[in-house]
Amino acid sequence: MTKKQIFIEIRELFLIAVCVAPYALVVNQVLVPHAIVGGGLTGLCEIIYFASGEVIPIWLSTLVINTILLITGIILLGWKSCVRALWGIVWLTIWLRTFSVAETPLISDPFMAIILCGLVNGASLGLIYSNNGNTGGTDIVAMIVNKYRHVSMGRALFMVDVLVISSAWFLPQVTKFEQLLFGFCFVFIESQAVDWVMSRGRQSIQFFIFSKEYDRIADTIMKQVGRGVTFLDAQGAYSKQDTKLIMLIVRKSEAIRIFRIVHEIDPTAFISETPTRGVFGQGFENLQNEAR
């Protein structure tokens, strides 16, 4: 690993650790005081916190459940898929422990709270995902479901969110139906903010790469990114020399890694980047879901 790659790794890990902070702040200082249950694992831990009479702290239940999910993920998905999740889980626990649950919400108006906090949380998660990280929880669940069932990650996360938020209706702290609606609105705003930060998150990118170092670039992409690469026969119109053109499709969040790899190997390479949607097949969306 080069010095530049080490620097990038350190920078990404630092940003993941920092971006988890506002996420934890919103949960403990806004959502819990308003008795608004968000989706995902933190929403489930909110329910545990309220159901236990505020005895079991959110940070503790988050740590315990995330540990179980992480071990399960390592067994079913492999440790490489869960390394960044471990880092995110550690810092999420630290920040949830640091920011205690407020008696008075940081933002008094619940409607403004879900809008502002949904944007903050979504932006934080978007930055985390953009730096190849996650906070564990339902991200691991969705990855497992996506691997063994014909259910997309987006659909799996949506189903979990609906189940968690709906369960809050049985809590004595939830006295108004509006609190459930606030929870659903919060999750929706959060997801839109994530997509905005990640440039429409699920968008894929098609690359055409022209380089004399096509063999090295292709091998590095397959090893480091885990994406398939196709060679196309090409000939320079001016030079009349035969060469290979690299073609590949990656998710938007992986595009920056492709640029880094190509620049590291051949700074003079020529790259064409084209946004594309509706990519189906291994590593992307499942064609069977669309055929239903």
C-alpha atoms as a PDB file:
ATOM      1  CA  MET A   1       0.000   0.000   0.000  1.00  0.00           C
ATOM      2  CA  THR A   2       1.400   3.385  -1.036  1.00  0.00           C
ATOM      3  CA  LYS A   3       1.617   6.474   1.174  1.00  0.00           C
ATOM      4  CA  LYS A   4      -1.215   8.041  -0.797  1.00  0.00           C
ATOM      5  CA  GLN A   5      -3.451   5.012  -0.245  1.00  0.00           C
ATOM      6  CA  ILE A   6      -2.628   5.035   3.474  1.00  0.00           C
ATOM      7  CA  PHE A   7      -3.519   8.731   3.651  1.00  0.00           C
ATOM      8  CA  ILE A   8      -6.852   8.081   1.897  1.00  0.00           C
ATOM      9  CA  GLU A   9      -7.666   5.226   4.285  1.00  0.00           C
ATOM     10  CA  ILE A  10      -6.877   7.383   7.325  1.00  0.00           C
ATOM     11  CA  ARG A  11      -8.928  10.277   5.940  1.00  0.00           C
ATOM     12  CA  GLU A  12     -11.932   8.051   5.271  1.00  0.00           C
ATOM     13  CA  LEU A  13     -11.788   6.482   8.729  1.00  0.00           C
ATOM     14  CA  PHE A  14     -11.500   9.942  10.297  1.00  0.00           C
ATOM     15  CA  LEU A  15     -14.522  11.246   8.371  1.00  0.00           C
ATOM     16  CA  ILE A  16     -16.581   8.189   9.332  1.00  0.00           C
ATOM     17  CA  ALA A  17     -15.768   8.750  13.010  1.00  0.00           C
ATOM     18  CA  VAL A  18     -16.624  12.468  12.823  1.00  0.00           C
ATOM     19  CA  CYS A  19     -19.822  12.094  10.778  1.00  0.00           C
ATOM     20  CA  VAL A  20     -21.324   9.634  13.255  1.00  0.00           C
ATOM     21  CA  ALA A  21     -21.340  12.405  15.905  1.00  0.00           C
ATOM     22  CA  PRO A  22     -24.261  14.511  14.552  1.00  0.00           C
ATOM     23  CA  TYR A  23     -26.210  11.294  13.957  1.00  0.00           C
ATOM     24  CA  ALA A  24     -25.891  10.360  17.640  1.00  0.00           C
ATOM     25  CA  LEU A  25     -26.605  13.945  18.716  1.00  0.00           C
ATOM     26  CA  VAL A  26     -29.909  13.992  16.815  1.00  0.00           C
ATOM     27  CA  VAL A  27     -31.047  10.717  18.381  1.00  0.00           C
ATOM     28  CA  ASN A  28     -30.307  11.642  22.008  1.00  0.00           C
ATOM     29  CA  GLN A  29     -30.980  15.371  21.915  1.00  0.00           C
ATOM     30  CA  VAL A  30     -33.994  15.565  19.586  1.00  0.00           C
ATOM     31  CA  LEU A  31     -35.769  12.311  18.731  1.00  0.00           C
ATOM     32  CA  VAL A  32     -35.827  10.740  22.199  1.00  0.00           C
ATOM     33  CA  PRO A  33     -37.019  13.898  24.056  1.00  0.00           C
ATOM     34  CA  HIS A  34     -39.848  14.233  21.519  1.00  0.00           C
ATOM     35  CA  ALA A  35     -40.610  10.479  21.796  1.00  0.00           C
ATOM     36  CA  ILE A  36     -40.222  10.168  18.031  1.00  0.00           C
ATOM     37  CA  VAL A  37     -38.932   6.774  16.962  1.00  0.00           C
ATOM     38  CA  GLY A  38     -36.809   6.806  13.815  1.00  0.00           C
ATOM     39  CA  GLY A  39     -36.144   3.749  11.719  1.00  0.00           C
ATOM     40  CA  GLY A  40     -33.338   1.234  11.797  1.00  0.00           C
ATOM     41  CA  LEU A  41     -31.417  -0.087  14.756  1.00  0.00           C
ATOM     42  CA  THR A  42     -31.357   3.203  16.647  1.00  0.00           C
ATOM     43  CA  GLY A  43     -35.155   3.305  16.390  1.00  0.00           C
ATOM     44  CA  LEU A  44     -35.322  -0.208  17.831  1.00  0.00           C
ATOM     45  CA  CYS A  45     -32.981   0.845  20.642  1.00  0.00           C
ATOM     46  CA  GLU A  46     -35.234   3.835  21.322  1.00  0.00           C
ATOM     47  CA  ILE A  47     -38.133   1.414  21.770  1.00  0.00           C
ATOM     48  CA  ILE A  48     -36.034  -0.692  24.168  1.00  0.00           C
ATOM     49  CA  TYR A  49     -35.106   2.477  26.073  1.00  0.00           C
ATOM     50  CA  PHE A  50     -38.751   3.574  26.459  1.00  0.00           C
ATOM     51  CA  ALA A  51     -40.081   0.053  27.149  1.00  0.00           C
ATOM     52  CA  SER A  52     -37.517  -0.493  29.920  1.00  0.00           C
ATOM     53  CA  GLY A  53     -38.619   2.673  31.694  1.00  0.00           C
ATOM     54  CA  GLU A  54     -35.485   4.491  30.497  1.00  0.00           C
ATOM     55  CA  VAL A  55     -33.288   2.002  32.367  1.00  0.00           C
ATOM     56  CA  ILE A  56     -31.447   0.438  29.416  1.00  0.00           C
ATOM     57  CA  PRO A  57     -29.464   3.230  27.719  1.00  0.00           C
ATOM     58  CA  ILE A  58     -29.555   3.483  23.943  1.00  0.00           C
ATOM     59  CA  TRP A  59     -25.796   3.223  23.599  1.00  0.00           C
ATOM     60  CA  LEU A  60     -25.736  -0.099  25.460  1.00  0.00           C
ATOM     61  CA  SER A  61     -28.497  -1.799  23.474  1.00  0.00           C
ATOM     62  CA  THR A  62     -26.929  -0.445  20.265  1.00  0.00           C
ATOM     63  CA  LEU A  63     -23.582  -1.987  21.206  1.00  0.00           C
ATOM     64  CA  VAL A  64     -25.068  -5.370  22.134  1.00  0.00           C
ATOM     65  CA  ILE A  65     -27.308  -5.741  19.069  1.00  0.00           C
ATOM     66  CA  ASN A  66     -24.640  -4.427  16.699  1.00  0.00           C
ATOM     67  CA  THR A  67     -22.135  -6.914  18.107  1.00  0.00           C
ATOM     68  CA  ILE A  68     -24.540  -9.795  17.427  1.00  0.00           C
ATOM     69  CA  LEU A  69     -25.252  -8.511  13.910  1.00  0.00           C
ATOM     70  CA  LEU A  70     -21.556  -7.976  13.225  1.00  0.00           C
ATOM     71  CA  ILE A  71     -20.655 -11.531  14.223  1.00  0.00           C
ATOM     72  CA  THR A  72     -23.515 -12.846  12.073  1.00  0.00           C
ATOM     73  CA  GLY A  73     -22.363 -10.676   9.173  1.00  0.00           C
ATOM     74  CA  ILE A  74     -18.780 -11.936   9.444  1.00  0.00           C
ATOM     75  CA  ILE A  75     -20.013 -15.540   9.374  1.00  0.00           C
ATOM     76  CA  LEU A  76     -22.381 -15.064   6.421  1.00  0.00           C
ATOM     77  CA  LEU A  77     -20.679 -12.302   4.420  1.00  0.00           C
ATOM     78  CA  GLY A  78     -17.014 -12.559   5.352  1.00  0.00           C
ATOM     79  CA  TRP A  79     -14.885 -10.286   7.497  1.00  0.00           C
ATOM     80  CA  LYS A  80     -13.885  -7.985   4.603  1.00  0.00           C
ATOM     81  CA  SER A  81     -17.494  -6.848   4.232  1.00  0.00           C
ATOM     82  CA  CYS A  82     -17.700  -5.936   7.923  1.00  0.00           C
ATOM     83  CA  VAL A  83     -14.381  -4.210   8.724  1.00  0.00           C
ATOM     84  CA  ARG A  84     -15.688  -0.688   8.106  1.00  0.00           C
ATOM     85  CA  ALA A  85     -18.936  -1.612   9.887  1.00  0.00           C
ATOM     86  CA  LEU A  86     -16.912  -2.415  13.023  1.00  0.00           C
ATOM     87  CA  TRP A  87     -15.268   1.023  12.899  1.00  0.00           C
ATOM     88  CA  GLY A  88     -18.645   2.734  12.493  1.00  0.00           C
ATOM     89  CA  ILE A  89     -20.203   0.706  15.311  1.00  0.00           C
ATOM     90  CA  VAL A  90     -17.401   1.618  17.722  1.00  0.00           C
ATOM     91  CA  TRP A  91     -17.761   5.335  17.058  1.00  0.00           C
ATOM     92  CA  LEU A  92     -21.557   5.257  17.076  1.00  0.00           C
ATOM     93  CA  THR A  93     -21.420   3.705  20.538  1.00  0.00           C
ATOM     94  CA  ILE A  94     -18.871   6.279  21.729  1.00  0.00           C
ATOM     95  CA  TRP A  95     -20.933   9.245  20.523  1.00  0.00           C
ATOM     96  CA  LEU A  96     -24.221   7.856  21.850  1.00  0.00           C
ATOM     97  CA  ARG A  97     -22.494   7.456  25.220  1.00  0.00           C
ATOM     98  CA  THR A  98     -21.001  10.971  25.022  1.00  0.00           C
ATOM     99  CA  PHE A  99     -24.257  12.775  24.170  1.00  0.00           C
ATOM    100  CA  SER A 100     -26.619  12.001  27.024  1.00  0.00           C
ATOM    101  CA  VAL A 101     -30.382  11.954  26.499  1.00  0.00           C
ATOM    102  CA  ALA A 102     -31.699  15.494  26.908  1.00  0.00           C
ATOM    103  CA  GLU A 103     -34.678  16.272  29.138  1.00  0.00           C
ATOM    104  CA  THR A 104     -35.598  19.201  26.887  1.00  0.00           C
ATOM    105  CA  PRO A 105     -35.286  18.674  23.117  1.00  0.00           C
ATOM    106  CA  LEU A 106     -32.634  20.670  21.324  1.00  0.00           C
ATOM    107  CA  ILE A 107     -35.332  21.838  18.857  1.00  0.00           C
ATOM    108  CA  SER A 108     -38.659  22.441  20.571  1.00  0.00           C
ATOM    109  CA  ASP A 109     -40.961  22.315  17.539  1.00  0.00           C
ATOM    110  CA  PRO A 110     -41.293  18.628  16.516  1.00  0.00           C
ATOM    111  CA  PHE A 111     -42.140  19.459  12.903  1.00  0.00           C
ATOM    112  CA  MET A 112     -39.023  21.608  12.446  1.00  0.00           C
ATOM    113  CA  ALA A 113     -37.074  18.988  14.378  1.00  0.00           C
ATOM    114  CA  ILE A 114     -37.793  16.162  11.948  1.00  0.00           C
ATOM    115  CA  ILE A 115     -37.022  18.358   8.927  1.00  0.00           C
ATOM    116  CA  LEU A 116     -33.718  19.741  10.191  1.00  0.00           C
ATOM    117  CA  CYS A 117     -32.619  16.525  11.875  1.00  0.00           C
ATOM    118  CA  GLY A 118     -33.610  14.412   8.886  1.00  0.00           C
ATOM    119  CA  LEU A 119     -31.383  16.587   6.714  1.00  0.00           C
ATOM    120  CA  VAL A 120     -28.519  16.452   9.225  1.00  0.00           C
ATOM    121  CA  ASN A 121     -28.748  12.689   9.697  1.00  0.00           C
ATOM    122  CA  GLY A 122     -29.099  12.056   5.987  1.00  0.00           C
ATOM    123  CA  ALA A 123     -26.096  14.228   5.165  1.00  0.00           C
ATOM    124  CA  SER A 124     -24.055  12.472   7.861  1.00  0.00           C
ATOM    125  CA  LEU A 125     -24.993   9.005   6.594  1.00  0.00           C
ATOM    126  CA  GLY A 126     -24.358  10.086   3.009  1.00  0.00           C
ATOM    127  CA  LEU A 127     -20.822  11.155   3.908  1.00  0.00           C
ATOM    128  CA  ILE A 128     -20.289   7.910   5.812  1.00  0.00           C
ATOM    129  CA  TYR A 129     -21.435   5.808   2.854  1.00  0.00           C
ATOM    130  CA  SER A 130     -19.378   7.929   0.450  1.00  0.00           C
ATOM    131  CA  ASN A 131     -16.293   7.062   2.472  1.00  0.00           C
ATOM    132  CA  ASN A 132     -17.004   3.322   2.261  1.00  0.00           C
ATOM    133  CA  GLY A 133     -18.355   3.107   5.798  1.00  0.00           C
ATOM    134  CA  ASN A 134     -21.580   2.299   7.592  1.00  0.00           C
ATOM    135  CA  THR A 135     -22.910   2.241  11.145  1.00  0.00           C
ATOM    136  CA  GLY A 136     -23.845  -1.427  11.258  1.00  0.00           C
ATOM    137  CA  GLY A 137     -27.413  -2.146  12.326  1.00  0.00           C
ATOM    138  CA  THR A 138     -29.931  -2.596   9.531  1.00  0.00           C
ATOM    139  CA  ASP A 139     -27.198  -2.060   6.910  1.00  0.00           C
ATOM    140  CA  ILE A 140     -25.820  -5.475   7.871  1.00  0.00           C
ATOM    141  CA  VAL A 141     -29.322  -6.979   7.964  1.00  0.00           C
ATOM    142  CA  ALA A 142     -30.070  -5.640   4.479  1.00  0.00           C
ATOM    143  CA  MET A 143     -26.783  -7.003   3.118  1.00  0.00           C
ATOM    144  CA  ILE A 144     -27.595 -10.457   4.491  1.00  0.00           C
ATOM    145  CA  VAL A 145     -31.177 -10.398   3.190  1.00  0.00           C
ATOM    146  CA  ASN A 146     -29.985  -9.176  -0.210  1.00  0.00           C
ATOM    147  CA  LYS A 147     -27.511 -12.053  -0.447  1.00  0.00           C
ATOM    148  CA  TYR A 148     -29.920 -14.874   0.372  1.00  0.00           C
ATOM    149  CA  ARG A 149     -33.284 -13.553  -0.837  1.00  0.00           C
ATOM    150  CA  HIS A 150     -34.481 -11.792  -3.969  1.00  0.00           C
ATOM    151  CA  VAL A 151     -35.081  -8.560  -2.072  1.00  0.00           C
ATOM    152  CA  SER A 152     -33.177  -5.361  -2.839  1.00  0.00           C
ATOM    153  CA  MET A 153     -31.321  -3.578  -0.030  1.00  0.00           C
ATOM    154  CA  GLY A 154     -33.578  -0.541  -0.380  1.00  0.00           C
ATOM    155  CA  ARG A 155     -36.708  -2.645   0.001  1.00  0.00           C
ATOM    156  CA  ALA A 156     -35.261  -4.554   2.966  1.00  0.00           C
ATOM    157  CA  LEU A 157     -34.352  -1.315   4.765  1.00  0.00           C
ATOM    158  CA  PHE A 158     -37.806   0.124   4.056  1.00  0.00           C
ATOM    159  CA  MET A 159     -39.567  -2.929   5.515  1.00  0.00           C
ATOM    160  CA  VAL A 160     -37.432  -2.795   8.664  1.00  0.00           C
ATOM    161  CA  ASP A 161     -38.120   0.929   9.113  1.00  0.00           C
ATOM    162  CA  VAL A 162     -41.889   0.443   8.764  1.00  0.00           C
ATOM    163  CA  LEU A 163     -41.870  -2.401  11.295  1.00  0.00           C
ATOM    164  CA  VAL A 164     -39.770  -0.488  13.849  1.00  0.00           C
ATOM    165  CA  ILE A 165     -41.695   2.785  13.638  1.00  0.00           C
ATOM    166  CA  SER A 166     -45.087   1.049  13.712  1.00  0.00           C
ATOM    167  CA  SER A 167     -44.051  -0.851  16.855  1.00  0.00           C
ATOM    168  CA  ALA A 168     -43.644   2.461  18.685  1.00  0.00           C
ATOM    169  CA  TRP A 169     -47.441   2.826  18.808  1.00  0.00           C
ATOM    170  CA  PHE A 170     -47.541   0.398  21.739  1.00  0.00           C
ATOM    171  CA  LEU A 171     -45.260   2.576  23.878  1.00  0.00           C
ATOM    172  CA  PRO A 172     -46.894   4.682  26.616  1.00  0.00           C
ATOM    173  CA  GLN A 173     -44.605   7.589  25.697  1.00  0.00           C
ATOM    174  CA  VAL A 174     -46.190   7.735  22.229  1.00  0.00           C
ATOM    175  CA  THR A 175     -49.477   9.452  23.035  1.00  0.00           C
ATOM    176  CA  LYS A 176     -50.322  10.881  19.612  1.00  0.00           C
ATOM    177  CA  PHE A 177     -50.606   9.298  16.184  1.00  0.00           C
ATOM    178  CA  GLU A 178     -48.702  12.301  14.854  1.00  0.00           C
ATOM    179  CA  GLN A 179     -45.574  10.987  16.561  1.00  0.00           C
ATOM    180  CA  LEU A 180     -45.658   7.931  14.297  1.00  0.00           C
ATOM    181  CA  LEU A 181     -46.166  10.146  11.266  1.00  0.00           C
ATOM    182  CA  PHE A 182     -43.235  12.274  12.371  1.00  0.00           C
ATOM    183  CA  GLY A 183     -41.129   9.098  12.506  1.00  0.00           C
ATOM    184  CA  PHE A 184     -42.054   8.143   8.939  1.00  0.00           C
ATOM    185  CA  CYS A 185     -41.436  11.707   7.721  1.00  0.00           C
ATOM    186  CA  PHE A 186     -38.060  11.737   9.447  1.00  0.00           C
ATOM    187  CA  VAL A 187     -36.986   8.517   7.708  1.00  0.00           C
ATOM    188  CA  PHE A 188     -38.187   9.821   4.327  1.00  0.00           C
ATOM    189  CA  ILE A 189     -36.320  13.138   4.672  1.00  0.00           C
ATOM    190  CA  GLU A 190     -33.238  11.304   5.899  1.00  0.00           C
ATOM    191  CA  SER A 191     -33.228   8.956   2.890  1.00  0.00           C
ATOM    192  CA  GLN A 192     -33.636  11.863   0.462  1.00  0.00           C
ATOM    193  CA  ALA A 193     -30.710  13.678   2.071  1.00  0.00           C
ATOM    194  CA  VAL A 194     -28.561  10.540   1.800  1.00  0.00           C
ATOM    195  CA  ASP A 195     -29.298  10.306  -1.919  1.00  0.00           C
ATOM    196  CA  TRP A 196     -28.591  14.003  -2.418  1.00  0.00           C
ATOM    197  CA  VAL A 197     -25.192  13.788  -0.724  1.00  0.00           C
ATOM    198  CA  MET A 198     -24.256  10.662  -2.667  1.00  0.00           C
ATOM    199  CA  SER A 199     -25.465  12.156  -5.969  1.00  0.00           C
ATOM    200  CA  ARG A 200     -28.531  10.008  -6.150  1.00  0.00           C
ATOM    201  CA  GLY A 201     -26.924   7.124  -4.271  1.00  0.00           C
ATOM    202  CA  ARG A 202     -28.031   4.153  -6.358  1.00  0.00           C
ATOM    203  CA  GLN A 203     -26.968   5.668  -9.649  1.00  0.00           C
ATOM    204  CA  SER A 204     -24.360   3.637 -11.491  1.00  0.00           C
ATOM    205  CA  ILE A 205     -21.473   4.816 -13.625  1.00  0.00           C
ATOM    206  CA  GLN A 206     -20.180   3.319 -16.858  1.00  0.00           C
ATOM    207  CA  PHE A 207     -16.456   3.811 -17.460  1.00  0.00           C
ATOM    208  CA  PHE A 208     -14.429   3.606 -20.651  1.00  0.00           C
ATOM    209  CA  ILE A 209     -10.718   3.742 -19.833  1.00  0.00           C
ATOM    210  CA  PHE A 210      -8.007   4.218 -22.459  1.00  0.00           C
ATOM    211  CA  SER A 211      -4.535   3.360 -21.182  1.00  0.00           C
ATOM    212  CA  LYS A 212      -1.414   1.445 -22.175  1.00  0.00           C
ATOM    213  CA  GLU A 213      -1.473  -0.002 -18.653  1.00  0.00           C
ATOM    214  CA  TYR A 214      -4.860  -1.660 -19.189  1.00  0.00           C
ATOM    215  CA  ASP A 215      -3.727  -4.997 -17.716  1.00  0.00           C
ATOM    216  CA  ARG A 216      -2.522  -3.478 -14.438  1.00  0.00           C
ATOM    217  CA  ILE A 217      -5.552  -1.199 -14.145  1.00  0.00           C
ATOM    218  CA  ALA A 218      -7.995  -4.045 -14.780  1.00  0.00           C
ATOM    219  CA  ASP A 219      -6.291  -6.372 -12.272  1.00  0.00           C
ATOM    220  CA  THR A 220      -6.219  -3.667  -9.589  1.00  0.00           C
ATOM    221  CA  ILE A 221      -9.888  -2.783 -10.088  1.00  0.00           C
ATOM    222  CA  MET A 222     -10.943  -6.434  -9.812  1.00  0.00           C
ATOM    223  CA  LYS A 223      -8.846  -6.975  -6.690  1.00  0.00           C
ATOM    224  CA  GLN A 224      -9.550  -3.733  -4.817  1.00  0.00           C
ATOM    225  CA  VAL A 225     -13.090  -2.862  -5.943  1.00  0.00           C
ATOM    226  CA  GLY A 226     -14.379  -6.336  -6.703  1.00  0.00           C
ATOM    227  CA  ARG A 227     -15.992  -5.333 -10.003  1.00  0.00           C
ATOM    228  CA  GLY A 228     -15.796  -7.228 -13.275  1.00  0.00           C
ATOM    229  CA  VAL A 229     -13.916  -5.624 -16.140  1.00  0.00           C
ATOM    230  CA  THR A 230     -14.366  -6.149 -19.892  1.00  0.00           C
ATOM    231  CA  PHE A 231     -11.704  -5.650 -22.552  1.00  0.00           C
ATOM    232  CA  LEU A 232     -12.850  -4.294 -25.908  1.00  0.00           C
ATOM    233  CA  ASP A 233     -10.621  -4.439 -28.968  1.00  0.00           C
ATOM    234  CA  ALA A 234      -9.741  -0.973 -30.216  1.00  0.00           C
ATOM    235  CA  GLN A 235      -7.424   0.713 -32.706  1.00  0.00           C
ATOM    236  CA  GLY A 236      -6.109   4.231 -32.702  1.00  0.00           C
ATOM    237  CA  ALA A 237      -7.239   6.042 -35.879  1.00  0.00           C
ATOM    238  CA  TYR A 238      -4.044   8.094 -36.020  1.00  0.00           C
ATOM    239  CA  SER A 239      -1.451   5.609 -34.742  1.00  0.00           C
ATOM    240  CA  LYS A 240      -3.143   2.535 -36.288  1.00  0.00           C
ATOM    241  CA  GLN A 241      -1.975   0.621 -33.212  1.00  0.00           C
ATOM    242  CA  ASP A 242      -4.154  -2.110 -31.716  1.00  0.00           C
ATOM    243  CA  THR A 243      -4.954  -1.764 -28.029  1.00  0.00           C
ATOM    244  CA  LYS A 244      -7.508  -2.738 -25.399  1.00  0.00           C
ATOM    245  CA  LEU A 245     -10.289  -0.529 -24.099  1.00  0.00           C
ATOM    246  CA  ILE A 246     -11.446  -1.116 -20.508  1.00  0.00           C
ATOM    247  CA  MET A 247     -15.199  -1.044 -19.928  1.00  0.00           C
ATOM    248  CA  LEU A 248     -16.830  -1.465 -16.537  1.00  0.00           C
ATOM    249  CA  ILE A 249     -19.887  -0.409 -14.566  1.00  0.00           C
ATOM    250  CA  VAL A 250     -19.755   0.504 -10.861  1.00  0.00           C
ATOM    251  CA  ARG A 251     -22.030   2.143  -8.335  1.00  0.00           C
ATOM    252  CA  LYS A 252     -21.767   5.919  -7.958  1.00  0.00           C
ATOM    253  CA  SER A 253     -20.182   5.540  -4.516  1.00  0.00           C
ATOM    254  CA  GLU A 254     -17.372   3.425  -6.035  1.00  0.00           C
ATOM    255  CA  ALA A 255     -16.513   5.855  -8.843  1.00  0.00           C
ATOM    256  CA  ILE A 256     -13.940   7.805  -6.827  1.00  0.00           C
ATOM    257  CA  ARG A 257     -12.016   4.583  -6.201  1.00  0.00           C
ATOM    258  CA  ILE A 258     -11.798   3.946  -9.942  1.00  0.00           C
ATOM    259  CA  PHE A 259     -10.350   7.413 -10.540  1.00  0.00           C
ATOM    260  CA  ARG A 260      -7.808   6.899  -7.751  1.00  0.00           C
ATOM    261  CA  ILE A 261      -6.680   3.534  -9.112  1.00  0.00           C
ATOM    262  CA  VAL A 262      -6.293   4.799 -12.689  1.00  0.00           C
ATOM    263  CA  HIS A 263      -4.455   7.946 -11.590  1.00  0.00           C
ATOM    264  CA  GLU A 264      -2.136   5.907  -9.381  1.00  0.00           C
ATOM    265  CA  ILE A 265      -1.163   3.570 -12.225  1.00  0.00           C
ATOM    266  CA  ASP A 266      -1.353   5.859 -15.267  1.00  0.00           C
ATOM    267  CA  PRO A 267      -1.876   9.603 -14.694  1.00  0.00           C
ATOM    268  CA  THR A 268      -2.004  10.122 -18.486  1.00  0.00           C
ATOM    269  CA  ALA A 269      -4.951   7.744 -18.998  1.00  0.00           C
ATOM    270  CA  PHE A 270      -8.073   8.933 -20.824  1.00  0.00           C
ATOM    271  CA  ILE A 271     -11.363   8.225 -18.996  1.00  0.00           C
ATOM    272  CA  SER A 272     -14.958   8.570 -20.130  1.00  0.00           C
ATOM    273  CA  GLU A 273     -17.567   8.588 -17.328  1.00  0.00           C
ATOM    274  CA  THR A 274     -21.277   8.183 -18.132  1.00  0.00           C
ATOM    275  CA  PRO A 275     -24.128   8.053 -15.565  1.00  0.00           C
ATOM    276  CA  THR A 276     -26.449   5.115 -16.127  1.00  0.00           C
ATOM    277  CA  ARG A 277     -29.562   3.717 -14.478  1.00  0.00           C
ATOM    278  CA  GLY A 278     -31.329   0.382 -14.461  1.00  0.00           C
ATOM    279  CA  VAL A 279     -28.229  -1.823 -14.123  1.00  0.00           C
ATOM    280  CA  PHE A 280     -29.246  -5.420 -13.412  1.00  0.00           C
ATOM    281  CA  GLY A 281     -27.129  -8.456 -12.703  1.00  0.00           C
ATOM    282  CA  GLN A 282     -24.598  -9.676 -10.188  1.00  0.00           C
ATOM    283  CA  GLY A 283     -23.498  -6.906  -7.834  1.00  0.00           C
ATOM    284  CA  PHE A 284     -26.331  -4.589  -8.905  1.00  0.00           C
ATOM    285  CA  GLU A 285     -30.135  -4.808  -8.924  1.00  0.00           C
ATOM    286  CA  ASN A 286     -31.802  -8.205  -9.155  1.00  0.00           C
ATOM    287  CA  LEU A 287     -33.538  -8.789 -12.490  1.00  0.00           C
ATOM    288  CA  GLN A 288     -36.086 -11.093 -10.864  1.00  0.00           C
ATOM    289  CA  ASN A 289     -37.445  -8.176  -8.790  1.00  0.00           C
ATOM    290  CA  GLU A 290     -38.235  -6.274 -11.996  1.00  0.00           C
ATOM    291  CA  ALA A 291     -39.777  -9.307 -13.696  1.00  0.00           C
ATOM    292  CA  ARG A 292     -42.388  -9.720 -10.964  1.00  0.00           C
END
